[in-house]
PDB file of N, CA and C in Angstrom:
ATOM      1  N   MET A   1     -54.385-107.262   3.261  1.00  0.00           N
ATOM      2  CA  MET A   1     -54.558-107.409   4.687  1.00  0.00           C
ATOM      3  C   MET A   1     -55.188-106.138   5.227  1.00  0.00           C
ATOM      4  N   ILE A   2     -56.156-106.287   6.110  1.00  0.00           N
ATOM      5  CA  ILE A   2     -56.848-105.145   6.701  1.00  0.00           C
ATOM      6  C   ILE A   2     -56.538-105.090   8.190  1.00  0.00           C
ATOM      7  N   VAL A   3     -56.248-103.888   8.658  1.00  0.00           N
ATOM      8  CA  VAL A   3     -55.985-103.678  10.074  1.00  0.00           C
ATOM      9  C   VAL A   3     -56.863-102.523  10.551  1.00  0.00           C
ATOM     10  N   MET A   4     -57.325-102.599  11.774  1.00  0.00           N
ATOM     11  CA  MET A   4     -58.160-101.541  12.334  1.00  0.00           C
ATOM     12  C   MET A   4     -57.291-100.365  12.766  1.00  0.00           C
ATOM     13  N   ALA A   5     -57.814 -99.164  12.591  1.00  0.00           N
ATOM     14  CA  ALA A   5     -57.074 -97.947  12.939  1.00  0.00           C
ATOM     15  C   ALA A   5     -56.650 -97.965  14.406  1.00  0.00           C
ATOM     16  N   ASN A   6     -57.483 -98.497  15.272  1.00  0.00           N
ATOM     17  CA  ASN A   6     -57.158 -98.539  16.692  1.00  0.00           C
ATOM     18  C   ASN A   6     -55.921 -99.389  16.964  1.00  0.00           C
ATOM     19  N   GLU A   7     -55.748-100.463  16.194  1.00  0.00           N
ATOM     20  CA  GLU A   7     -54.566-101.314  16.352  1.00  0.00           C
ATOM     21  C   GLU A   7     -53.295-100.554  15.954  1.00  0.00           C
ATOM     22  N   VAL A   8     -53.390 -99.760  14.891  1.00  0.00           N
ATOM     23  CA  VAL A   8     -52.252 -98.935  14.482  1.00  0.00           C
ATOM     24  C   VAL A   8     -51.957 -97.914  15.570  1.00  0.00           C
ATOM     25  N   LYS A   9     -53.015 -97.361  16.130  1.00  0.00           N
ATOM     26  CA  LYS A   9     -52.868 -96.354  17.188  1.00  0.00           C
ATOM     27  C   LYS A   9     -52.170 -96.928  18.419  1.00  0.00           C
ATOM     28  N   THR A  10     -52.530 -98.132  18.789  1.00  0.00           N
ATOM     29  CA  THR A  10     -51.957 -98.708  20.008  1.00  0.00           C
ATOM     30  C   THR A  10     -50.582 -99.328  19.798  1.00  0.00           C
ATOM     31  N   LYS A  11     -50.349 -99.924  18.622  1.00  0.00           N
ATOM     32  CA  LYS A  11     -49.085-100.616  18.385  1.00  0.00           C
ATOM     33  C   LYS A  11     -48.065 -99.771  17.635  1.00  0.00           C
ATOM     34  N   GLY A  12     -48.512 -98.702  17.008  1.00  0.00           N
ATOM     35  CA  GLY A  12     -47.593 -97.820  16.284  1.00  0.00           C
ATOM     36  C   GLY A  12     -47.131 -98.405  14.966  1.00  0.00           C
ATOM     37  N   VAL A  13     -46.177 -97.730  14.364  1.00  0.00           N
ATOM     38  CA  VAL A  13     -45.724 -98.130  13.035  1.00  0.00           C
ATOM     39  C   VAL A  13     -44.970 -99.453  13.033  1.00  0.00           C
ATOM     40  N   SER A  14     -44.498 -99.909  14.190  1.00  0.00           N
ATOM     41  CA  SER A  14     -43.813-101.207  14.241  1.00  0.00           C
ATOM     42  C   SER A  14     -44.741-102.337  13.795  1.00  0.00           C
ATOM     43  N   LEU A  15     -46.030-102.111  13.898  1.00  0.00           N
ATOM     44  CA  LEU A  15     -47.014-103.089  13.461  1.00  0.00           C
ATOM     45  C   LEU A  15     -46.848-103.411  11.969  1.00  0.00           C
ATOM     46  N   PHE A  16     -46.488-102.394  11.173  1.00  0.00           N
ATOM     47  CA  PHE A  16     -46.392-102.591   9.723  1.00  0.00           C
ATOM     48  C   PHE A  16     -45.269-103.544   9.336  1.00  0.00           C
ATOM     49  N   ASP A  17     -44.151-103.510  10.044  1.00  0.00           N
ATOM     50  CA  ASP A  17     -43.068-104.441   9.734  1.00  0.00           C
ATOM     51  C   ASP A  17     -43.568-105.881   9.789  1.00  0.00           C
ATOM     52  N   LYS A  18     -44.316-106.185  10.820  1.00  0.00           N
ATOM     53  CA  LYS A  18     -44.857-107.538  10.987  1.00  0.00           C
ATOM     54  C   LYS A  18     -45.883-107.857   9.893  1.00  0.00           C
ATOM     55  N   LEU A  19     -46.746-106.900   9.588  1.00  0.00           N
ATOM     56  CA  LEU A  19     -47.779-107.135   8.582  1.00  0.00           C
ATOM     57  C   LEU A  19     -47.194-107.275   7.179  1.00  0.00           C
ATOM     58  N   PHE A  20     -46.126-106.532   6.885  1.00  0.00           N
ATOM     59  CA  PHE A  20     -45.509-106.614   5.561  1.00  0.00           C
ATOM     60  C   PHE A  20     -44.803-107.940   5.323  1.00  0.00           C
ATOM     61  N   GLU A  21     -44.585-108.725   6.374  1.00  0.00           N
ATOM     62  CA  GLU A  21     -44.043-110.068   6.194  1.00  0.00           C
ATOM     63  C   GLU A  21     -45.076-110.974   5.515  1.00  0.00           C
ATOM     64  N   LYS A  22     -46.360-110.632   5.665  1.00  0.00           N
ATOM     65  CA  LYS A  22     -47.442-111.455   5.142  1.00  0.00           C
ATOM     66  C   LYS A  22     -48.121-110.859   3.909  1.00  0.00           C
ATOM     67  N   ALA A  23     -48.014-109.538   3.722  1.00  0.00           N
ATOM     68  CA  ALA A  23     -48.733-108.879   2.629  1.00  0.00           C
ATOM     69  C   ALA A  23     -47.923-107.706   2.090  1.00  0.00           C
ATOM     70  N   GLU A  24     -48.179-107.356   0.820  1.00  0.00           N
ATOM     71  CA  GLU A  24     -47.485-106.227   0.198  1.00  0.00           C
ATOM     72  C   GLU A  24     -48.138-104.897   0.512  1.00  0.00           C
ATOM     73  N   GLU A  25     -49.388-104.942   0.937  1.00  0.00           N
ATOM     74  CA  GLU A  25     -50.098-103.720   1.275  1.00  0.00           C
ATOM     75  C   GLU A  25     -50.977-103.968   2.492  1.00  0.00           C
ATOM     76  N   VAL A  26     -51.235-102.907   3.228  1.00  0.00           N
ATOM     77  CA  VAL A  26     -52.075-102.999   4.412  1.00  0.00           C
ATOM     78  C   VAL A  26     -53.161-101.940   4.285  1.00  0.00           C
ATOM     79  N   ILE A  27     -54.395-102.356   4.427  1.00  0.00           N
ATOM     80  CA  ILE A  27     -55.517-101.435   4.387  1.00  0.00           C
ATOM     81  C   ILE A  27     -55.890-101.091   5.823  1.00  0.00           C
ATOM     82  N   ILE A  28     -56.017 -99.800   6.096  1.00  0.00           N
ATOM     83  CA  ILE A  28     -56.417 -99.364   7.434  1.00  0.00           C
ATOM     84  C   ILE A  28     -57.911 -99.073   7.412  1.00  0.00           C
ATOM     85  N   ASN A  29     -58.615 -99.754   8.289  1.00  0.00           N
ATOM     86  CA  ASN A  29     -60.050 -99.639   8.387  1.00  0.00           C
ATOM     87  C   ASN A  29     -60.372 -98.674   9.531  1.00  0.00           C
ATOM     88  N   VAL A  30     -61.138 -97.623   9.209  1.00  0.00           N
ATOM     89  CA  VAL A  30     -61.517 -96.620  10.205  1.00  0.00           C
ATOM     90  C   VAL A  30     -63.032 -96.632  10.335  1.00  0.00           C
ATOM     91  N   ARG A  31     -63.498 -96.957  11.519  1.00  0.00           N
ATOM     92  CA  ARG A  31     -64.937 -96.991  11.818  1.00  0.00           C
ATOM     93  C   ARG A  31     -65.730 -97.816  10.805  1.00  0.00           C
ATOM     94  N   GLY A  32     -65.185 -98.972  10.474  1.00  0.00           N
ATOM     95  CA  GLY A  32     -65.893 -99.891   9.597  1.00  0.00           C
ATOM     96  C   GLY A  32     -65.714 -99.649   8.110  1.00  0.00           C
ATOM     97  N   LYS A  33     -64.883 -98.660   7.748  1.00  0.00           N
ATOM     98  CA  LYS A  33     -64.676 -98.375   6.331  1.00  0.00           C
ATOM     99  C   LYS A  33     -63.193 -98.411   6.002  1.00  0.00           C
ATOM    100  N   ASN A  34     -62.860 -99.080   4.896  1.00  0.00           N
ATOM    101  CA  ASN A  34     -61.473 -99.090   4.434  1.00  0.00           C
ATOM    102  C   ASN A  34     -61.124 -97.685   3.954  1.00  0.00           C
ATOM    103  N   LYS A  35     -60.111 -97.083   4.600  1.00  0.00           N
ATOM    104  CA  LYS A  35     -59.845 -95.674   4.335  1.00  0.00           C
ATOM    105  C   LYS A  35     -58.456 -95.398   3.769  1.00  0.00           C
ATOM    106  N   TYR A  36     -57.446 -96.146   4.177  1.00  0.00           N
ATOM    107  CA  TYR A  36     -56.074 -95.883   3.743  1.00  0.00           C
ATOM    108  C   TYR A  36     -55.399 -97.179   3.306  1.00  0.00           C
ATOM    109  N   VAL A  37     -54.411 -97.026   2.426  1.00  0.00           N
ATOM    110  CA  VAL A  37     -53.576 -98.154   2.038  1.00  0.00           C
ATOM    111  C   VAL A  37     -52.140 -97.780   2.348  1.00  0.00           C
ATOM    112  N   VAL A  38     -51.427 -98.680   3.012  1.00  0.00           N
ATOM    113  CA  VAL A  38     -50.029 -98.459   3.347  1.00  0.00           C
ATOM    114  C   VAL A  38     -49.202 -99.471   2.553  1.00  0.00           C
ATOM    115  N   ILE A  39     -48.167 -98.960   1.885  1.00  0.00           N
ATOM    116  CA  ILE A  39     -47.244 -99.823   1.150  1.00  0.00           C
ATOM    117  C   ILE A  39     -45.826 -99.437   1.549  1.00  0.00           C
ATOM    118  N   ASP A  40     -44.879-100.342   1.336  1.00  0.00           N
ATOM    119  CA  ASP A  40     -43.507 -99.989   1.696  1.00  0.00           C
ATOM    120  C   ASP A  40     -42.925 -99.039   0.649  1.00  0.00           C
ATOM    121  N   MET A  41     -41.841 -98.382   0.990  1.00  0.00           N
ATOM    122  CA  MET A  41     -41.276 -97.329   0.151  1.00  0.00           C
ATOM    123  C   MET A  41     -40.853 -97.837  -1.223  1.00  0.00           C
ATOM    124  N   GLU A  42     -40.295 -99.031  -1.306  1.00  0.00           N
ATOM    125  CA  GLU A  42     -39.873 -99.561  -2.603  1.00  0.00           C
ATOM    126  C   GLU A  42     -41.063 -99.750  -3.536  1.00  0.00           C
ATOM    127  N   ARG A  43     -42.158-100.270  -3.018  1.00  0.00           N
ATOM    128  CA  ARG A  43     -43.370-100.440  -3.834  1.00  0.00           C
ATOM    129  C   ARG A  43     -43.910 -99.081  -4.257  1.00  0.00           C
ATOM    130  N   TYR A  44     -43.882 -98.109  -3.349  1.00  0.00           N
ATOM    131  CA  TYR A  44     -44.326 -96.757  -3.675  1.00  0.00           C
ATOM    132  C   TYR A  44     -43.498 -96.189  -4.830  1.00  0.00           C
ATOM    133  N   LYS A  45     -42.175 -96.367  -4.766  1.00  0.00           N
ATOM    134  CA  LYS A  45     -41.297 -95.854  -5.819  1.00  0.00           C
ATOM    135  C   LYS A  45     -41.622 -96.506  -7.167  1.00  0.00           C
ATOM    136  N   GLU A  46     -41.902 -97.816  -7.144  1.00  0.00           N
ATOM    137  CA  GLU A  46     -42.272 -98.519  -8.380  1.00  0.00           C
ATOM    138  C   GLU A  46     -43.560 -97.947  -8.965  1.00  0.00           C
ATOM    139  N   LEU A  47     -44.566 -97.780  -8.118  1.00  0.00           N
ATOM    140  CA  LEU A  47     -45.848 -97.253  -8.588  1.00  0.00           C
ATOM    141  C   LEU A  47     -45.707 -95.826  -9.091  1.00  0.00           C
ATOM    142  N   ARG A  48     -44.932 -95.027  -8.383  1.00  0.00           N
ATOM    143  CA  ARG A  48     -44.718 -93.628  -8.789  1.00  0.00           C
ATOM    144  C   ARG A  48     -43.992 -93.571 -10.132  1.00  0.00           C
ATOM    145  N   ALA A  49     -43.007 -94.418 -10.329  1.00  0.00           N
ATOM    146  CA  ALA A  49     -42.285 -94.453 -11.604  1.00  0.00           C
ATOM    147  C   ALA A  49     -43.236 -94.829 -12.741  1.00  0.00           C
ATOM    148  N   MET A  50     -44.111 -95.802 -12.506  1.00  0.00           N
ATOM    149  CA  MET A  50     -45.082 -96.186 -13.530  1.00  0.00           C
ATOM    150  C   MET A  50     -46.033 -95.032 -13.843  1.00  0.00           C
ATOM    151  N   GLU A  51     -46.440 -94.321 -12.810  1.00  0.00           N
ATOM    152  CA  GLU A  51     -47.332 -93.179 -12.986  1.00  0.00           C
ATOM    153  C   GLU A  51     -46.656 -92.085 -13.820  1.00  0.00           C
ATOM    154  N   LEU A  52     -45.400 -91.809 -13.532  1.00  0.00           N
ATOM    155  CA  LEU A  52     -44.665 -90.792 -14.281  1.00  0.00           C
ATOM    156  C   LEU A  52     -44.417 -91.236 -15.723  1.00  0.00           C
ATOM    157  N   ASP A  53     -44.122 -92.525 -15.925  1.00  0.00           N
ATOM    158  CA  ASP A  53     -43.957 -93.051 -17.285  1.00  0.00           C
ATOM    159  C   ASP A  53     -45.243 -92.879 -18.091  1.00  0.00           C
ATOM    160  N   LYS A  54     -46.373 -93.158 -17.462  1.00  0.00           N
ATOM    161  CA  LYS A  54     -47.669 -93.012 -18.129  1.00  0.00           C
ATOM    162  C   LYS A  54     -47.933 -91.552 -18.475  1.00  0.00           C
ATOM    163  N   ALA A  55     -47.624 -90.638 -17.567  1.00  0.00           N
ATOM    164  CA  ALA A  55     -47.810 -89.211 -17.840  1.00  0.00           C
ATOM    165  C   ALA A  55     -46.936 -88.771 -19.015  1.00  0.00           C
ATOM    166  N   TYR A  56     -45.710 -89.264 -19.054  1.00  0.00           N
ATOM    167  CA  TYR A  56     -44.802 -88.949 -20.163  1.00  0.00           C
ATOM    168  C   TYR A  56     -45.370 -89.472 -21.483  1.00  0.00           C
ATOM    169  N   ASP A  57     -45.836 -90.725 -21.477  1.00  0.00           N
ATOM    170  CA  ASP A  57     -46.421 -91.318 -22.684  1.00  0.00           C
ATOM    171  C   ASP A  57     -47.630 -90.509 -23.159  1.00  0.00           C
ATOM    172  N   ASN A  58     -48.471 -90.072 -22.209  1.00  0.00           N
ATOM    173  CA  ASN A  58     -49.637 -89.263 -22.563  1.00  0.00           C
ATOM    174  C   ASN A  58     -49.215 -87.923 -23.169  1.00  0.00           C
ATOM    175  N   ALA A  59     -48.193 -87.303 -22.595  1.00  0.00           N
ATOM    176  CA  ALA A  59     -47.704 -86.026 -23.114  1.00  0.00           C
ATOM    177  C   ALA A  59     -47.152 -86.199 -24.526  1.00  0.00           C
ATOM    178  N   MET A  60     -46.410 -87.266 -24.755  1.00  0.00           N
ATOM    179  CA  MET A  60     -45.859 -87.507 -26.089  1.00  0.00           C
ATOM    180  C   MET A  60     -46.969 -87.756 -27.107  1.00  0.00           C
ATOM    181  N   ALA A  61     -48.014 -88.464 -26.695  1.00  0.00           N
ATOM    182  CA  ALA A  61     -49.154 -88.715 -27.585  1.00  0.00           C
ATOM    183  C   ALA A  61     -49.852 -87.396 -27.920  1.00  0.00           C
ATOM    184  N   ASP A  62     -49.994 -86.516 -26.934  1.00  0.00           N
ATOM    185  CA  ASP A  62     -50.596 -85.201 -27.183  1.00  0.00           C
ATOM    186  C   ASP A  62     -49.764 -84.402 -28.171  1.00  0.00           C
ATOM    187  N   ILE A  63     -48.458 -84.440 -28.015  1.00  0.00           N
ATOM    188  CA  ILE A  63     -47.575 -83.708 -28.930  1.00  0.00           C
ATOM    189  C   ILE A  63     -47.718 -84.259 -30.351  1.00  0.00           C
ATOM    190  N   LYS A  64     -47.693 -85.585 -30.494  1.00  0.00           N
ATOM    191  CA  LYS A  64     -47.833 -86.202 -31.825  1.00  0.00           C
ATOM    192  C   LYS A  64     -49.171 -85.855 -32.460  1.00  0.00           C
ATOM    193  N   ALA A  65     -50.219 -85.736 -31.634  1.00  0.00           N
ATOM    194  CA  ALA A  65     -51.555 -85.444 -32.150  1.00  0.00           C
ATOM    195  C   ALA A  65     -51.795 -83.946 -32.312  1.00  0.00           C
ATOM    196  N   GLY A  66     -50.804 -83.124 -31.941  1.00  0.00           N
ATOM    197  CA  GLY A  66     -50.954 -81.681 -32.083  1.00  0.00           C
ATOM    198  C   GLY A  66     -51.790 -81.029 -31.007  1.00  0.00           C
ATOM    199  N   ARG A  67     -51.997 -81.725 -29.890  1.00  0.00           N
ATOM    200  CA  ARG A  67     -52.791 -81.177 -28.794  1.00  0.00           C
ATOM    201  C   ARG A  67     -51.896 -80.422 -27.819  1.00  0.00           C
ATOM    202  N   TYR A  68     -51.353 -79.327 -28.281  1.00  0.00           N
ATOM    203  CA  TYR A  68     -50.508 -78.491 -27.425  1.00  0.00           C
ATOM    204  C   TYR A  68     -50.470 -77.091 -28.017  1.00  0.00           C
ATOM    205  N   THR A  69     -49.970 -76.152 -27.231  1.00  0.00           N
ATOM    206  CA  THR A  69     -49.841 -74.777 -27.708  1.00  0.00           C
ATOM    207  C   THR A  69     -48.473 -74.234 -27.321  1.00  0.00           C
ATOM    208  N   THR A  70     -47.980 -73.333 -28.115  1.00  0.00           N
ATOM    209  CA  THR A  70     -46.726 -72.658 -27.768  1.00  0.00           C
ATOM    210  C   THR A  70     -46.999 -71.240 -27.274  1.00  0.00           C
ATOM    211  N   ASP A  71     -48.288 -70.892 -27.193  1.00  0.00           N
ATOM    212  CA  ASP A  71     -48.701 -69.571 -26.718  1.00  0.00           C
ATOM    213  C   ASP A  71     -48.809 -69.615 -25.195  1.00  0.00           C
ATOM    214  N   VAL A  72     -47.829 -69.020 -24.520  1.00  0.00           N
ATOM    215  CA  VAL A  72     -47.764 -69.070 -23.059  1.00  0.00           C
ATOM    216  C   VAL A  72     -48.982 -68.408 -22.432  1.00  0.00           C
ATOM    217  N   ASP A  73     -49.396 -67.266 -22.940  1.00  0.00           N
ATOM    218  CA  ASP A  73     -50.551 -66.563 -22.371  1.00  0.00           C
ATOM    219  C   ASP A  73     -51.825 -67.404 -22.483  1.00  0.00           C
ATOM    220  N   ALA A  74     -52.022 -68.041 -23.637  1.00  0.00           N
ATOM    221  CA  ALA A  74     -53.194 -68.904 -23.805  1.00  0.00           C
ATOM    222  C   ALA A  74     -53.133 -70.082 -22.845  1.00  0.00           C
ATOM    223  N   HIS A  75     -51.960 -70.628 -22.671  1.00  0.00           N
ATOM    224  CA  HIS A  75     -51.791 -71.756 -21.752  1.00  0.00           C
ATOM    225  C   HIS A  75     -52.103 -71.334 -20.318  1.00  0.00           C
ATOM    226  N   LEU A  76     -51.619 -70.182 -19.892  1.00  0.00           N
ATOM    227  CA  LEU A  76     -51.896 -69.694 -18.537  1.00  0.00           C
ATOM    228  C   LEU A  76     -53.379 -69.420 -18.336  1.00  0.00           C
ATOM    229  N   ARG A  77     -54.050 -68.890 -19.357  1.00  0.00           N
ATOM    230  CA  ARG A  77     -55.504 -68.673 -19.258  1.00  0.00           C
ATOM    231  C   ARG A  77     -56.224 -70.011 -19.075  1.00  0.00           C
ATOM    232  N   GLU A  78     -55.787 -71.005 -19.823  1.00  0.00           N
ATOM    233  CA  GLU A  78     -56.403 -72.334 -19.703  1.00  0.00           C
ATOM    234  C   GLU A  78     -56.201 -72.907 -18.303  1.00  0.00           C
ATOM    235  N   ILE A  79     -55.021 -72.739 -17.754  1.00  0.00           N
ATOM    236  CA  ILE A  79     -54.741 -73.226 -16.397  1.00  0.00           C
ATOM    237  C   ILE A  79     -55.630 -72.511 -15.387  1.00  0.00           C
ATOM    238  N   HIS A  80     -55.763 -71.204 -15.514  1.00  0.00           N
ATOM    239  CA  HIS A  80     -56.612 -70.445 -14.593  1.00  0.00           C
ATOM    240  C   HIS A  80     -58.076 -70.874 -14.702  1.00  0.00           C
ATOM    241  N   GLU A  81     -58.540 -71.115 -15.921  1.00  0.00           N
ATOM    242  CA  GLU A  81     -59.916 -71.587 -16.116  1.00  0.00           C
ATOM    243  C   GLU A  81     -60.127 -72.941 -15.445  1.00  0.00           C
ATOM    244  N   LEU A  82     -59.174 -73.832 -15.621  1.00  0.00           N
ATOM    245  CA  LEU A  82     -59.283 -75.154 -14.990  1.00  0.00           C
ATOM    246  C   LEU A  82     -59.257 -75.037 -13.474  1.00  0.00           C
ATOM    247  N   ALA A  83     -58.408 -74.157 -12.951  1.00  0.00           N
ATOM    248  CA  ALA A  83     -58.318 -73.954 -11.499  1.00  0.00           C
ATOM    249  C   ALA A  83     -59.629 -73.402 -10.941  1.00  0.00           C
ATOM    250  N   ASN A  84     -60.271 -72.529 -11.689  1.00  0.00           N
ATOM    251  CA  ASN A  84     -61.541 -71.947 -11.239  1.00  0.00           C
ATOM    252  C   ASN A  84     -62.658 -72.962 -11.223  1.00  0.00           C
ATOM    253  N   GLU A  85     -62.538 -73.997 -12.044  1.00  0.00           N
ATOM    254  CA  GLU A  85     -63.558 -75.057 -12.074  1.00  0.00           C
ATOM    255  C   GLU A  85     -63.481 -75.942 -10.833  1.00  0.00           C
ATOM    256  N   LEU A  86     -62.336 -75.947 -10.190  1.00  0.00           N
ATOM    257  CA  LEU A  86     -62.167 -76.770  -8.989  1.00  0.00           C
ATOM    258  C   LEU A  86     -62.818 -76.086  -7.859  1.00  0.00           C
TER     259      LEU A  86
END
């Protein structure tokens, strides 16, 4: 379901209760472009848990494949290099 930003502005967050009766997510359209997605807290928690599970699985795969270091200084240098690339 898509709602215009102006409607959210005028009706406030109470608008979402009504919209969530019809849809699990609400897309907020700003100046003709879909810009934000609003979901209820329970759905957010589910998605966040899945994201964390995936990160854990990736970390375990890296460990099994030997893609890790126990050298703290080398690890910190790598983090700083990655930060500088941003």
